[in-house]
Amino acid sequence: MANGTTHRIAAAVVIGAVWIHAEADQPEKSAKPLLGAGLAALLTNLPDILEPALHPNHRQFFHSLTFAAMLGKATHEIYEWETDNPADEAIRFLLLVGAGAYFVHLLLDAGTAKSLPILGRF
């Protein structure tokens, strides 16, 4: 079963790799892959902060497929957001990394025996 350390490592590797791929065809490289990996490692446990693992059935709404779908829609809107200043670009980057880290957490949890509820309780 994936624990907090596994979540952090997986999120850092996946999100770092996504940003490396995103910059692959650009002549100038940035620190975004390293920064994204570090932020993802910090943010991937957000679902367990919202719904602490105090008992075996702690996975409710914020660990649900419904919430994942809602987050997917919001993430698509953020991805499509065309920023025109550095502050907005930084916010966009943080939101995309946070959403990606959240998805990594849910994906790892979905692979356990308890999996994810479809809706869960609020």
PDB file of N, CA and C in Angstrom:
ATOM      1  N   MET A   1       0.845  -1.182   0.000  1.00  0.00           N
ATOM      2  CA  MET A   1       0.000   0.000   0.000  1.00  0.00           C
ATOM      3  C   MET A   1       0.888   1.243   0.000  1.00  0.00           C
ATOM      4  N   ALA A   2       0.477   2.261  -0.732  1.00  0.00           N
ATOM      5  CA  ALA A   2       1.243   3.499  -0.828  1.00  0.00           C
ATOM      6  C   ALA A   2       1.129   4.291   0.469  1.00  0.00           C
ATOM      7  N   ASN A   3       2.281   4.680   1.011  1.00  0.00           N
ATOM      8  CA  ASN A   3       2.283   5.523   2.207  1.00  0.00           C
ATOM      9  C   ASN A   3       2.678   6.941   1.814  1.00  0.00           C
ATOM     10  N   GLY A   4       2.827   7.812   2.806  1.00  0.00           N
ATOM     11  CA  GLY A   4       3.146   9.212   2.520  1.00  0.00           C
ATOM     12  C   GLY A   4       4.428   9.391   1.732  1.00  0.00           C
ATOM     13  N   THR A   5       5.447   8.606   2.076  1.00  0.00           N
ATOM     14  CA  THR A   5       6.722   8.707   1.364  1.00  0.00           C
ATOM     15  C   THR A   5       6.562   8.283  -0.092  1.00  0.00           C
ATOM     16  N   THR A   6       5.836   7.199  -0.313  1.00  0.00           N
ATOM     17  CA  THR A   6       5.597   6.737  -1.686  1.00  0.00           C
ATOM     18  C   THR A   6       4.844   7.793  -2.484  1.00  0.00           C
ATOM     19  N   HIS A   7       3.841   8.412  -1.866  1.00  0.00           N
ATOM     20  CA  HIS A   7       3.089   9.474  -2.542  1.00  0.00           C
ATOM     21  C   HIS A   7       4.025  10.616  -2.931  1.00  0.00           C
ATOM     22  N   ARG A   8       4.890  11.035  -2.013  1.00  0.00           N
ATOM     23  CA  ARG A   8       5.782  12.164  -2.285  1.00  0.00           C
ATOM     24  C   ARG A   8       6.771  11.849  -3.409  1.00  0.00           C
ATOM     25  N   ILE A   9       7.369  10.669  -3.363  1.00  0.00           N
ATOM     26  CA  ILE A   9       8.337  10.291  -4.398  1.00  0.00           C
ATOM     27  C   ILE A   9       7.648  10.176  -5.753  1.00  0.00           C
ATOM     28  N   ALA A  10       6.517   9.499  -5.790  1.00  0.00           N
ATOM     29  CA  ALA A  10       5.796   9.333  -7.061  1.00  0.00           C
ATOM     30  C   ALA A  10       5.386  10.683  -7.641  1.00  0.00           C
ATOM     31  N   ALA A  11       4.859  11.561  -6.804  1.00  0.00           N
ATOM     32  CA  ALA A  11       4.428  12.877  -7.293  1.00  0.00           C
ATOM     33  C   ALA A  11       5.620  13.669  -7.817  1.00  0.00           C
ATOM     34  N   ALA A  12       6.732  13.642  -7.106  1.00  0.00           N
ATOM     35  CA  ALA A  12       7.915  14.378  -7.560  1.00  0.00           C
ATOM     36  C   ALA A  12       8.405  13.853  -8.905  1.00  0.00           C
ATOM     37  N   VAL A  13       8.468  12.545  -9.057  1.00  0.00           N
ATOM     38  CA  VAL A  13       8.959  11.950 -10.308  1.00  0.00           C
ATOM     39  C   VAL A  13       8.002  12.255 -11.459  1.00  0.00           C
ATOM     40  N   VAL A  14       6.709  12.036 -11.239  1.00  0.00           N
ATOM     41  CA  VAL A  14       5.733  12.240 -12.319  1.00  0.00           C
ATOM     42  C   VAL A  14       5.664  13.707 -12.733  1.00  0.00           C
ATOM     43  N   ILE A  15       5.512  14.596 -11.780  1.00  0.00           N
ATOM     44  CA  ILE A  15       5.355  16.014 -12.122  1.00  0.00           C
ATOM     45  C   ILE A  15       6.649  16.581 -12.692  1.00  0.00           C
ATOM     46  N   GLY A  16       7.784  16.186 -12.141  1.00  0.00           N
ATOM     47  CA  GLY A  16       9.064  16.612 -12.716  1.00  0.00           C
ATOM     48  C   GLY A  16       9.195  16.159 -14.158  1.00  0.00           C
ATOM     49  N   ALA A  17       8.823  14.923 -14.432  1.00  0.00           N
ATOM     50  CA  ALA A  17       8.904  14.385 -15.794  1.00  0.00           C
ATOM     51  C   ALA A  17       7.948  15.108 -16.747  1.00  0.00           C
ATOM     52  N   VAL A  18       6.767  15.446 -16.254  1.00  0.00           N
ATOM     53  CA  VAL A  18       5.806  16.178 -17.092  1.00  0.00           C
ATOM     54  C   VAL A  18       6.388  17.522 -17.512  1.00  0.00           C
ATOM     55  N   TRP A  19       7.009  18.236 -16.579  1.00  0.00           N
ATOM     56  CA  TRP A  19       7.569  19.550 -16.923  1.00  0.00           C
ATOM     57  C   TRP A  19       8.811  19.427 -17.798  1.00  0.00           C
ATOM     58  N   ILE A  20       9.596  18.358 -17.612  1.00  0.00           N
ATOM     59  CA  ILE A  20      10.732  18.123 -18.520  1.00  0.00           C
ATOM     60  C   ILE A  20      10.202  17.918 -19.940  1.00  0.00           C
ATOM     61  N   HIS A  21       9.168  17.106 -20.065  1.00  0.00           N
ATOM     62  CA  HIS A  21       8.567  16.863 -21.377  1.00  0.00           C
ATOM     63  C   HIS A  21       7.995  18.153 -21.971  1.00  0.00           C
ATOM     64  N   ALA A  22       7.360  18.965 -21.148  1.00  0.00           N
ATOM     65  CA  ALA A  22       6.757  20.209 -21.628  1.00  0.00           C
ATOM     66  C   ALA A  22       7.810  21.168 -22.182  1.00  0.00           C
ATOM     67  N   GLU A  23       9.012  21.106 -21.648  1.00  0.00           N
ATOM     68  CA  GLU A  23      10.079  22.004 -22.101  1.00  0.00           C
ATOM     69  C   GLU A  23      11.010  21.355 -23.118  1.00  0.00           C
ATOM     70  N   ALA A  24      10.744  20.135 -23.522  1.00  0.00           N
ATOM     71  CA  ALA A  24      11.667  19.384 -24.377  1.00  0.00           C
ATOM     72  C   ALA A  24      11.976  20.080 -25.698  1.00  0.00           C
ATOM     73  N   ASP A  25      10.987  20.731 -26.288  1.00  0.00           N
ATOM     74  CA  ASP A  25      11.211  21.360 -27.590  1.00  0.00           C
ATOM     75  C   ASP A  25      11.507  22.858 -27.496  1.00  0.00           C
ATOM     76  N   GLN A  26      11.686  23.360 -26.292  1.00  0.00           N
ATOM     77  CA  GLN A  26      11.991  24.772 -26.116  1.00  0.00           C
ATOM     78  C   GLN A  26      13.510  24.973 -26.032  1.00  0.00           C
ATOM     79  N   PRO A  27      14.018  26.012 -26.672  1.00  0.00           N
ATOM     80  CA  PRO A  27      15.467  26.223 -26.650  1.00  0.00           C
ATOM     81  C   PRO A  27      15.999  26.565 -25.254  1.00  0.00           C
ATOM     82  N   GLU A  28      15.210  27.288 -24.481  1.00  0.00           N
ATOM     83  CA  GLU A  28      15.633  27.641 -23.123  1.00  0.00           C
ATOM     84  C   GLU A  28      14.952  26.737 -22.118  1.00  0.00           C
ATOM     85  N   LYS A  29      15.733  26.221 -21.204  1.00  0.00           N
ATOM     86  CA  LYS A  29      15.197  25.383 -20.132  1.00  0.00           C
ATOM     87  C   LYS A  29      15.025  26.254 -18.892  1.00  0.00           C
ATOM     88  N   SER A  30      14.124  25.831 -18.012  1.00  0.00           N
ATOM     89  CA  SER A  30      13.875  26.584 -16.785  1.00  0.00           C
ATOM     90  C   SER A  30      14.025  25.657 -15.580  1.00  0.00           C
ATOM     91  N   ALA A  31      13.794  26.222 -14.440  1.00  0.00           N
ATOM     92  CA  ALA A  31      13.834  25.451 -13.200  1.00  0.00           C
ATOM     93  C   ALA A  31      12.486  24.810 -12.895  1.00  0.00           C
ATOM     94  N   LYS A  32      11.519  24.952 -13.797  1.00  0.00           N
ATOM     95  CA  LYS A  32      10.174  24.425 -13.540  1.00  0.00           C
ATOM     96  C   LYS A  32      10.139  22.926 -13.245  1.00  0.00           C
ATOM     97  N   PRO A  33      10.924  22.082 -13.943  1.00  0.00           N
ATOM     98  CA  PRO A  33      10.881  20.660 -13.590  1.00  0.00           C
ATOM     99  C   PRO A  33      11.310  20.385 -12.146  1.00  0.00           C
ATOM    100  N   LEU A  34      12.372  21.029 -11.706  1.00  0.00           N
ATOM    101  CA  LEU A  34      12.826  20.829 -10.320  1.00  0.00           C
ATOM    102  C   LEU A  34      11.864  21.469  -9.320  1.00  0.00           C
ATOM    103  N   LEU A  35      11.424  22.669  -9.624  1.00  0.00           N
ATOM    104  CA  LEU A  35      10.479  23.358  -8.743  1.00  0.00           C
ATOM    105  C   LEU A  35       9.161  22.601  -8.683  1.00  0.00           C
ATOM    106  N   GLY A  36       8.685  22.140  -9.828  1.00  0.00           N
ATOM    107  CA  GLY A  36       7.439  21.370  -9.869  1.00  0.00           C
ATOM    108  C   GLY A  36       7.550  20.078  -9.081  1.00  0.00           C
ATOM    109  N   ALA A  37       8.681  19.389  -9.220  1.00  0.00           N
ATOM    110  CA  ALA A  37       8.882  18.140  -8.474  1.00  0.00           C
ATOM    111  C   ALA A  37       8.858  18.396  -6.970  1.00  0.00           C
ATOM    112  N   GLY A  38       9.545  19.432  -6.538  1.00  0.00           N
ATOM    113  CA  GLY A  38       9.567  19.754  -5.109  1.00  0.00           C
ATOM    114  C   GLY A  38       8.202  20.149  -4.581  1.00  0.00           C
ATOM    115  N   LEU A  39       7.501  20.988  -5.327  1.00  0.00           N
ATOM    116  CA  LEU A  39       6.154  21.393  -4.914  1.00  0.00           C
ATOM    117  C   LEU A  39       5.189  20.206  -4.911  1.00  0.00           C
ATOM    118  N   ALA A  40       5.317  19.340  -5.904  1.00  0.00           N
ATOM    119  CA  ALA A  40       4.435  18.169  -5.972  1.00  0.00           C
ATOM    120  C   ALA A  40       4.644  17.268  -4.763  1.00  0.00           C
ATOM    121  N   ALA A  41       5.898  17.100  -4.351  1.00  0.00           N
ATOM    122  CA  ALA A  41       6.183  16.280  -3.170  1.00  0.00           C
ATOM    123  C   ALA A  41       5.524  16.871  -1.927  1.00  0.00           C
ATOM    124  N   LEU A  42       5.460  18.191  -1.856  1.00  0.00           N
ATOM    125  CA  LEU A  42       4.813  18.841  -0.713  1.00  0.00           C
ATOM    126  C   LEU A  42       3.289  18.795  -0.791  1.00  0.00           C
ATOM    127  N   LEU A  43       2.748  18.897  -1.988  1.00  0.00           N
ATOM    128  CA  LEU A  43       1.301  19.043  -2.151  1.00  0.00           C
ATOM    129  C   LEU A  43       0.540  17.734  -2.328  1.00  0.00           C
ATOM    130  N   THR A  44       1.226  16.635  -2.593  1.00  0.00           N
ATOM    131  CA  THR A  44       0.533  15.394  -2.924  1.00  0.00           C
ATOM    132  C   THR A  44      -0.275  14.819  -1.763  1.00  0.00           C
ATOM    133  N   ASN A  45       0.022  15.183  -0.554  1.00  0.00           N
ATOM    134  CA  ASN A  45      -0.733  14.653   0.583  1.00  0.00           C
ATOM    135  C   ASN A  45      -1.926  15.522   0.962  1.00  0.00           C
ATOM    136  N   LEU A  46      -2.266  16.480   0.122  1.00  0.00           N
ATOM    137  CA  LEU A  46      -3.432  17.325   0.380  1.00  0.00           C
ATOM    138  C   LEU A  46      -4.719  16.524   0.601  1.00  0.00           C
ATOM    139  N   PRO A  47      -4.992  15.461  -0.168  1.00  0.00           N
ATOM    140  CA  PRO A  47      -6.212  14.696   0.109  1.00  0.00           C
ATOM    141  C   PRO A  47      -6.253  14.128   1.533  1.00  0.00           C
ATOM    142  N   ASP A  48      -5.099  13.708   2.055  1.00  0.00           N
ATOM    143  CA  ASP A  48      -5.068  13.166   3.411  1.00  0.00           C
ATOM    144  C   ASP A  48      -5.099  14.266   4.472  1.00  0.00           C
ATOM    145  N   ILE A  49      -4.805  15.488   4.096  1.00  0.00           N
ATOM    146  CA  ILE A  49      -4.986  16.617   5.019  1.00  0.00           C
ATOM    147  C   ILE A  49      -6.478  16.944   5.097  1.00  0.00           C
ATOM    148  N   LEU A  50      -7.149  16.910   3.937  1.00  0.00           N
ATOM    149  CA  LEU A  50      -8.590  17.187   3.910  1.00  0.00           C
ATOM    150  C   LEU A  50      -9.398  16.069   4.562  1.00  0.00           C
ATOM    151  N   GLU A  51      -8.941  14.816   4.383  1.00  0.00           N
ATOM    152  CA  GLU A  51      -9.607  13.645   4.960  1.00  0.00           C
ATOM    153  C   GLU A  51      -8.541  12.748   5.589  1.00  0.00           C
ATOM    154  N   PRO A  52      -8.154  13.058   6.833  1.00  0.00           N
ATOM    155  CA  PRO A  52      -7.068  12.309   7.474  1.00  0.00           C
ATOM    156  C   PRO A  52      -7.358  10.805   7.554  1.00  0.00           C
ATOM    157  N   ALA A  53      -6.302  10.037   7.420  1.00  0.00           N
ATOM    158  CA  ALA A  53      -6.411   8.569   7.457  1.00  0.00           C
ATOM    159  C   ALA A  53      -6.499   8.087   8.903  1.00  0.00           C
ATOM    160  N   LEU A  54      -7.587   8.433   9.562  1.00  0.00           N
ATOM    161  CA  LEU A  54      -7.778   8.061  10.966  1.00  0.00           C
ATOM    162  C   LEU A  54      -8.437   6.694  11.111  1.00  0.00           C
ATOM    163  N   HIS A  55      -9.058   6.204  10.044  1.00  0.00           N
ATOM    164  CA  HIS A  55      -9.716   4.898  10.063  1.00  0.00           C
ATOM    165  C   HIS A  55      -9.700   4.339   8.633  1.00  0.00           C
ATOM    166  N   PRO A  56      -9.952   3.055   8.463  1.00  0.00           N
ATOM    167  CA  PRO A  56      -9.864   2.437   7.132  1.00  0.00           C
ATOM    168  C   PRO A  56     -10.815   3.020   6.089  1.00  0.00           C
ATOM    169  N   ASN A  57     -11.911   3.620   6.517  1.00  0.00           N
ATOM    170  CA  ASN A  57     -12.890   4.167   5.574  1.00  0.00           C
ATOM    171  C   ASN A  57     -12.827   5.691   5.510  1.00  0.00           C
ATOM    172  N   HIS A  58     -11.628   6.259   5.632  1.00  0.00           N
ATOM    173  CA  HIS A  58     -11.494   7.718   5.636  1.00  0.00           C
ATOM    174  C   HIS A  58     -11.710   8.333   4.260  1.00  0.00           C
ATOM    175  N   ARG A  59     -11.610   7.549   3.215  1.00  0.00           N
ATOM    176  CA  ARG A  59     -11.734   8.094   1.863  1.00  0.00           C
ATOM    177  C   ARG A  59     -13.194   8.408   1.555  1.00  0.00           C
ATOM    178  N   GLN A  60     -13.461   9.693   1.469  1.00  0.00           N
ATOM    179  CA  GLN A  60     -14.817  10.135   1.179  1.00  0.00           C
ATOM    180  C   GLN A  60     -14.785  11.048  -0.048  1.00  0.00           C
ATOM    181  N   PHE A  61     -15.431  12.183   0.000  1.00  0.00           N
ATOM    182  CA  PHE A  61     -15.602  13.033  -1.176  1.00  0.00           C
ATOM    183  C   PHE A  61     -14.283  13.480  -1.801  1.00  0.00           C
ATOM    184  N   PHE A  62     -13.322  13.925  -0.988  1.00  0.00           N
ATOM    185  CA  PHE A  62     -12.071  14.445  -1.540  1.00  0.00           C
ATOM    186  C   PHE A  62     -11.130  13.351  -2.025  1.00  0.00           C
ATOM    187  N   HIS A  63     -11.516  12.087  -1.820  1.00  0.00           N
ATOM    188  CA  HIS A  63     -10.806  10.934  -2.368  1.00  0.00           C
ATOM    189  C   HIS A  63     -11.693  10.209  -3.390  1.00  0.00           C
ATOM    190  N   SER A  64     -12.697  10.858  -3.928  1.00  0.00           N
ATOM    191  CA  SER A  64     -13.678  10.163  -4.773  1.00  0.00           C
ATOM    192  C   SER A  64     -13.421  10.388  -6.266  1.00  0.00           C
ATOM    193  N   LEU A  65     -14.023   9.515  -7.062  1.00  0.00           N
ATOM    194  CA  LEU A  65     -13.961   9.669  -8.510  1.00  0.00           C
ATOM    195  C   LEU A  65     -14.708  10.928  -8.952  1.00  0.00           C
ATOM    196  N   THR A  66     -15.756  11.276  -8.244  1.00  0.00           N
ATOM    197  CA  THR A  66     -16.515  12.498  -8.552  1.00  0.00           C
ATOM    198  C   THR A  66     -15.629  13.726  -8.390  1.00  0.00           C
ATOM    199  N   PHE A  67     -14.900  13.782  -7.259  1.00  0.00           N
ATOM    200  CA  PHE A  67     -14.014  14.923  -7.044  1.00  0.00           C
ATOM    201  C   PHE A  67     -12.897  14.938  -8.087  1.00  0.00           C
ATOM    202  N   ALA A  68     -12.388  13.763  -8.453  1.00  0.00           N
ATOM    203  CA  ALA A  68     -11.341  13.680  -9.478  1.00  0.00           C
ATOM    204  C   ALA A  68     -11.846  14.247 -10.804  1.00  0.00           C
ATOM    205  N   ALA A  69     -13.079  13.952 -11.159  1.00  0.00           N
ATOM    206  CA  ALA A  69     -13.657  14.482 -12.396  1.00  0.00           C
ATOM    207  C   ALA A  69     -13.797  16.000 -12.329  1.00  0.00           C
ATOM    208  N   MET A  70     -14.254  16.502 -11.189  1.00  0.00           N
ATOM    209  CA  MET A  70     -14.381  17.952 -11.017  1.00  0.00           C
ATOM    210  C   MET A  70     -13.013  18.634 -11.093  1.00  0.00           C
ATOM    211  N   LEU A  71     -12.026  18.018 -10.453  1.00  0.00           N
ATOM    212  CA  LEU A  71     -10.667  18.554 -10.485  1.00  0.00           C
ATOM    213  C   LEU A  71     -10.109  18.489 -11.909  1.00  0.00           C
ATOM    214  N   GLY A  72     -10.442  17.443 -12.637  1.00  0.00           N
ATOM    215  CA  GLY A  72     -10.005  17.337 -14.024  1.00  0.00           C
ATOM    216  C   GLY A  72     -10.536  18.471 -14.878  1.00  0.00           C
ATOM    217  N   LYS A  73     -11.798  18.798 -14.706  1.00  0.00           N
ATOM    218  CA  LYS A  73     -12.407  19.909 -15.444  1.00  0.00           C
ATOM    219  C   LYS A  73     -11.721  21.227 -15.089  1.00  0.00           C
ATOM    220  N   ALA A  74     -11.513  21.462 -13.793  1.00  0.00           N
ATOM    221  CA  ALA A  74     -10.854  22.693 -13.356  1.00  0.00           C
ATOM    222  C   ALA A  74      -9.419  22.756 -13.872  1.00  0.00           C
ATOM    223  N   THR A  75      -8.733  21.615 -13.858  1.00  0.00           N
ATOM    224  CA  THR A  75      -7.351  21.565 -14.337  1.00  0.00           C
ATOM    225  C   THR A  75      -7.281  21.893 -15.824  1.00  0.00           C
ATOM    226  N   HIS A  76      -8.237  21.403 -16.597  1.00  0.00           N
ATOM    227  CA  HIS A  76      -8.281  21.723 -18.024  1.00  0.00           C
ATOM    228  C   HIS A  76      -8.444  23.231 -18.230  1.00  0.00           C
ATOM    229  N   GLU A  77      -9.316  23.842 -17.448  1.00  0.00           N
ATOM    230  CA  GLU A  77      -9.525  25.297 -17.556  1.00  0.00           C
ATOM    231  C   GLU A  77      -8.235  26.054 -17.196  1.00  0.00           C
ATOM    232  N   ILE A  78      -7.534  25.598 -16.169  1.00  0.00           N
ATOM    233  CA  ILE A  78      -6.279  26.238 -15.763  1.00  0.00           C
ATOM    234  C   ILE A  78      -5.227  26.064 -16.859  1.00  0.00           C
ATOM    235  N   TYR A  79      -5.175  24.871 -17.444  1.00  0.00           N
ATOM    236  CA  TYR A  79      -4.219  24.602 -18.522  1.00  0.00           C
ATOM    237  C   TYR A  79      -4.463  25.521 -19.718  1.00  0.00           C
ATOM    238  N   GLU A  80      -5.708  25.774 -20.027  1.00  0.00           N
ATOM    239  CA  GLU A  80      -6.074  26.627 -21.163  1.00  0.00           C
ATOM    240  C   GLU A  80      -5.929  28.119 -20.868  1.00  0.00           C
ATOM    241  N   TRP A  81      -5.742  28.480 -19.612  1.00  0.00           N
ATOM    242  CA  TRP A  81      -5.639  29.878 -19.195  1.00  0.00           C
ATOM    243  C   TRP A  81      -4.412  30.513 -19.844  1.00  0.00           C
ATOM    244  N   GLU A  82      -4.615  31.553 -20.629  1.00  0.00           N
ATOM    245  CA  GLU A  82      -3.515  32.281 -21.256  1.00  0.00           C
ATOM    246  C   GLU A  82      -3.174  33.470 -20.380  1.00  0.00           C
ATOM    247  N   THR A  83      -2.027  33.372 -19.740  1.00  0.00           N
ATOM    248  CA  THR A  83      -1.601  34.420 -18.816  1.00  0.00           C
ATOM    249  C   THR A  83      -0.866  35.513 -19.578  1.00  0.00           C
ATOM    250  N   ASP A  84      -0.880  36.703 -18.999  1.00  0.00           N
ATOM    251  CA  ASP A  84      -0.187  37.808 -19.650  1.00  0.00           C
ATOM    252  C   ASP A  84       0.780  38.536 -18.715  1.00  0.00           C
ATOM    253  N   ASN A  85       0.990  37.972 -17.540  1.00  0.00           N
ATOM    254  CA  ASN A  85       1.973  38.574 -16.644  1.00  0.00           C
ATOM    255  C   ASN A  85       2.610  37.481 -15.784  1.00  0.00           C
ATOM    256  N   PRO A  86       3.786  37.751 -15.244  1.00  0.00           N
ATOM    257  CA  PRO A  86       4.513  36.731 -14.478  1.00  0.00           C
ATOM    258  C   PRO A  86       3.772  36.239 -13.225  1.00  0.00           C
ATOM    259  N   ALA A  87       3.020  37.095 -12.583  1.00  0.00           N
ATOM    260  CA  ALA A  87       2.296  36.674 -11.377  1.00  0.00           C
ATOM    261  C   ALA A  87       1.222  35.645 -11.729  1.00  0.00           C
ATOM    262  N   ASP A  88       0.478  35.897 -12.792  1.00  0.00           N
ATOM    263  CA  ASP A  88      -0.540  34.936 -13.229  1.00  0.00           C
ATOM    264  C   ASP A  88       0.102  33.627 -13.684  1.00  0.00           C
ATOM    265  N   GLU A  89       1.248  33.714 -14.347  1.00  0.00           N
ATOM    266  CA  GLU A  89       1.949  32.509 -14.791  1.00  0.00           C
ATOM    267  C   GLU A  89       2.405  31.681 -13.588  1.00  0.00           C
ATOM    268  N   ALA A  90       2.856  32.337 -12.533  1.00  0.00           N
ATOM    269  CA  ALA A  90       3.276  31.627 -11.317  1.00  0.00           C
ATOM    270  C   ALA A  90       2.079  30.943 -10.652  1.00  0.00           C
ATOM    271  N   ILE A  91       0.948  31.629 -10.617  1.00  0.00           N
ATOM    272  CA  ILE A  91      -0.271  31.039 -10.046  1.00  0.00           C
ATOM    273  C   ILE A  91      -0.715  29.842 -10.880  1.00  0.00           C
ATOM    274  N   ARG A  92      -0.680  29.994 -12.189  1.00  0.00           N
ATOM    275  CA  ARG A  92      -1.050  28.897 -13.096  1.00  0.00           C
ATOM    276  C   ARG A  92      -0.146  27.691 -12.868  1.00  0.00           C
ATOM    277  N   PHE A  93       1.152  27.926 -12.775  1.00  0.00           N
ATOM    278  CA  PHE A  93       2.117  26.854 -12.536  1.00  0.00           C
ATOM    279  C   PHE A  93       1.814  26.145 -11.215  1.00  0.00           C
ATOM    280  N   LEU A  94       1.604  26.894 -10.158  1.00  0.00           N
ATOM    281  CA  LEU A  94       1.315  26.314  -8.849  1.00  0.00           C
ATOM    282  C   LEU A  94       0.028  25.491  -8.879  1.00  0.00           C
ATOM    283  N   LEU A  95      -1.000  26.000  -9.515  1.00  0.00           N
ATOM    284  CA  LEU A  95      -2.272  25.271  -9.602  1.00  0.00           C
ATOM    285  C   LEU A  95      -2.142  23.990 -10.419  1.00  0.00           C
ATOM    286  N   LEU A  96      -1.397  24.039 -11.520  1.00  0.00           N
ATOM    287  CA  LEU A  96      -1.204  22.844 -12.335  1.00  0.00           C
ATOM    288  C   LEU A  96      -0.389  21.786 -11.591  1.00  0.00           C
ATOM    289  N   VAL A  97       0.658  22.211 -10.909  1.00  0.00           N
ATOM    290  CA  VAL A  97       1.465  21.271 -10.127  1.00  0.00           C
ATOM    291  C   VAL A  97       0.625  20.680  -8.997  1.00  0.00           C
ATOM    292  N   GLY A  98      -0.133  21.520  -8.298  1.00  0.00           N
ATOM    293  CA  GLY A  98      -0.976  21.037  -7.210  1.00  0.00           C
ATOM    294  C   GLY A  98      -2.014  20.035  -7.688  1.00  0.00           C
ATOM    295  N   ALA A  99      -2.637  20.328  -8.804  1.00  0.00           N
ATOM    296  CA  ALA A  99      -3.638  19.400  -9.350  1.00  0.00           C
ATOM    297  C   ALA A  99      -2.981  18.093  -9.768  1.00  0.00           C
ATOM    298  N   GLY A 100      -1.836  18.191 -10.398  1.00  0.00           N
ATOM    299  CA  GLY A 100      -1.124  16.978 -10.803  1.00  0.00           C
ATOM    300  C   GLY A 100      -0.734  16.126  -9.606  1.00  0.00           C
ATOM    301  N   ALA A 101      -0.251  16.767  -8.569  1.00  0.00           N
ATOM    302  CA  ALA A 101       0.128  16.047  -7.347  1.00  0.00           C
ATOM    303  C   ALA A 101      -1.096  15.380  -6.714  1.00  0.00           C
ATOM    304  N   TYR A 102      -2.215  16.068  -6.728  1.00  0.00           N
ATOM    305  CA  TYR A 102      -3.461  15.519  -6.188  1.00  0.00           C
ATOM    306  C   TYR A 102      -3.871  14.278  -6.990  1.00  0.00           C
ATOM    307  N   PHE A 103      -3.771  14.364  -8.330  1.00  0.00           N
ATOM    308  CA  PHE A 103      -4.108  13.218  -9.175  1.00  0.00           C
ATOM    309  C   PHE A 103      -3.194  12.028  -8.913  1.00  0.00           C
ATOM    310  N   VAL A 104      -1.910  12.282  -8.696  1.00  0.00           N
ATOM    311  CA  VAL A 104      -0.980  11.187  -8.390  1.00  0.00           C
ATOM    312  C   VAL A 104      -1.417  10.495  -7.104  1.00  0.00           C
ATOM    313  N   HIS A 105      -1.792  11.274  -6.103  1.00  0.00           N
ATOM    314  CA  HIS A 105      -2.257  10.706  -4.837  1.00  0.00           C
ATOM    315  C   HIS A 105      -3.480   9.817  -5.075  1.00  0.00           C
ATOM    316  N   LEU A 106      -4.458  10.336  -5.811  1.00  0.00           N
ATOM    317  CA  LEU A 106      -5.674   9.565  -6.058  1.00  0.00           C
ATOM    318  C   LEU A 106      -5.380   8.304  -6.867  1.00  0.00           C
ATOM    319  N   LEU A 107      -4.485   8.403  -7.823  1.00  0.00           N
ATOM    320  CA  LEU A 107      -4.135   7.234  -8.627  1.00  0.00           C
ATOM    321  C   LEU A 107      -3.490   6.148  -7.765  1.00  0.00           C
ATOM    322  N   LEU A 108      -2.596   6.534  -6.880  1.00  0.00           N
ATOM    323  CA  LEU A 108      -1.977   5.548  -5.987  1.00  0.00           C
ATOM    324  C   LEU A 108      -3.012   4.938  -5.042  1.00  0.00           C
ATOM    325  N   ASP A 109      -3.914   5.767  -4.525  1.00  0.00           N
ATOM    326  CA  ASP A 109      -4.960   5.245  -3.641  1.00  0.00           C
ATOM    327  C   ASP A 109      -5.930   4.334  -4.390  1.00  0.00           C
ATOM    328  N   ALA A 110      -6.170   4.625  -5.643  1.00  0.00           N
ATOM    329  CA  ALA A 110      -7.096   3.801  -6.433  1.00  0.00           C
ATOM    330  C   ALA A 110      -6.553   2.394  -6.623  1.00  0.00           C
ATOM    331  N   GLY A 111      -5.246   2.245  -6.538  1.00  0.00           N
ATOM    332  CA  GLY A 111      -4.634   0.936  -6.703  1.00  0.00           C
ATOM    333  C   GLY A 111      -4.612   0.078  -5.457  1.00  0.00           C
ATOM    334  N   THR A 112      -5.202   0.545  -4.373  1.00  0.00           N
ATOM    335  CA  THR A 112      -5.247  -0.229  -3.134  1.00  0.00           C
ATOM    336  C   THR A 112      -6.545  -1.027  -3.069  1.00  0.00           C
ATOM    337  N   ALA A 113      -6.625  -1.910  -2.090  1.00  0.00           N
ATOM    338  CA  ALA A 113      -7.820  -2.749  -1.920  1.00  0.00           C
ATOM    339  C   ALA A 113      -9.074  -1.902  -1.666  1.00  0.00           C
ATOM    340  N   LYS A 114      -8.948  -0.803  -0.940  1.00  0.00           N
ATOM    341  CA  LYS A 114     -10.102   0.068  -0.648  1.00  0.00           C
ATOM    342  C   LYS A 114     -10.482   0.930  -1.837  1.00  0.00           C
ATOM    343  N   SER A 115      -9.564   1.158  -2.763  1.00  0.00           N
ATOM    344  CA  SER A 115      -9.777   1.943  -3.957  1.00  0.00           C
ATOM    345  C   SER A 115     -10.350   3.336  -3.624  1.00  0.00           C
ATOM    346  N   LEU A 116     -11.170   3.874  -4.515  1.00  0.00           N
ATOM    347  CA  LEU A 116     -11.788   5.196  -4.311  1.00  0.00           C
ATOM    348  C   LEU A 116     -13.300   5.057  -4.418  1.00  0.00           C
ATOM    349  N   PRO A 117     -14.037   5.780  -3.571  1.00  0.00           N
ATOM    350  CA  PRO A 117     -15.497   5.767  -3.720  1.00  0.00           C
ATOM    351  C   PRO A 117     -15.912   6.551  -4.963  1.00  0.00           C
ATOM    352  N   ILE A 118     -17.091   6.271  -5.455  1.00  0.00           N
ATOM    353  CA  ILE A 118     -17.590   7.027  -6.606  1.00  0.00           C
ATOM    354  C   ILE A 118     -17.952   8.446  -6.186  1.00  0.00           C
ATOM    355  N   LEU A 119     -18.651   8.586  -5.081  1.00  0.00           N
ATOM    356  CA  LEU A 119     -19.061   9.910  -4.604  1.00  0.00           C
ATOM    357  C   LEU A 119     -18.504  10.217  -3.232  1.00  0.00           C
ATOM    358  N   GLY A 120     -18.660   9.345  -2.279  1.00  0.00           N
ATOM    359  CA  GLY A 120     -18.218   9.632  -0.909  1.00  0.00           C
ATOM    360  C   GLY A 120     -19.137  10.623  -0.230  1.00  0.00           C
ATOM    361  N   ARG A 121     -18.913  10.801   1.060  1.00  0.00           N
ATOM    362  CA  ARG A 121     -19.708  11.774   1.817  1.00  0.00           C
ATOM    363  C   ARG A 121     -18.928  13.054   1.974  1.00  0.00           C
ATOM    364  N   PHE A 122     -19.648  14.161   2.163  1.00  0.00           N
ATOM    365  CA  PHE A 122     -19.026  15.465   2.390  1.00  0.00           C
ATOM    366  C   PHE A 122     -18.590  15.565   3.825  1.00  0.00           C
TER     367      PHE A 122
END
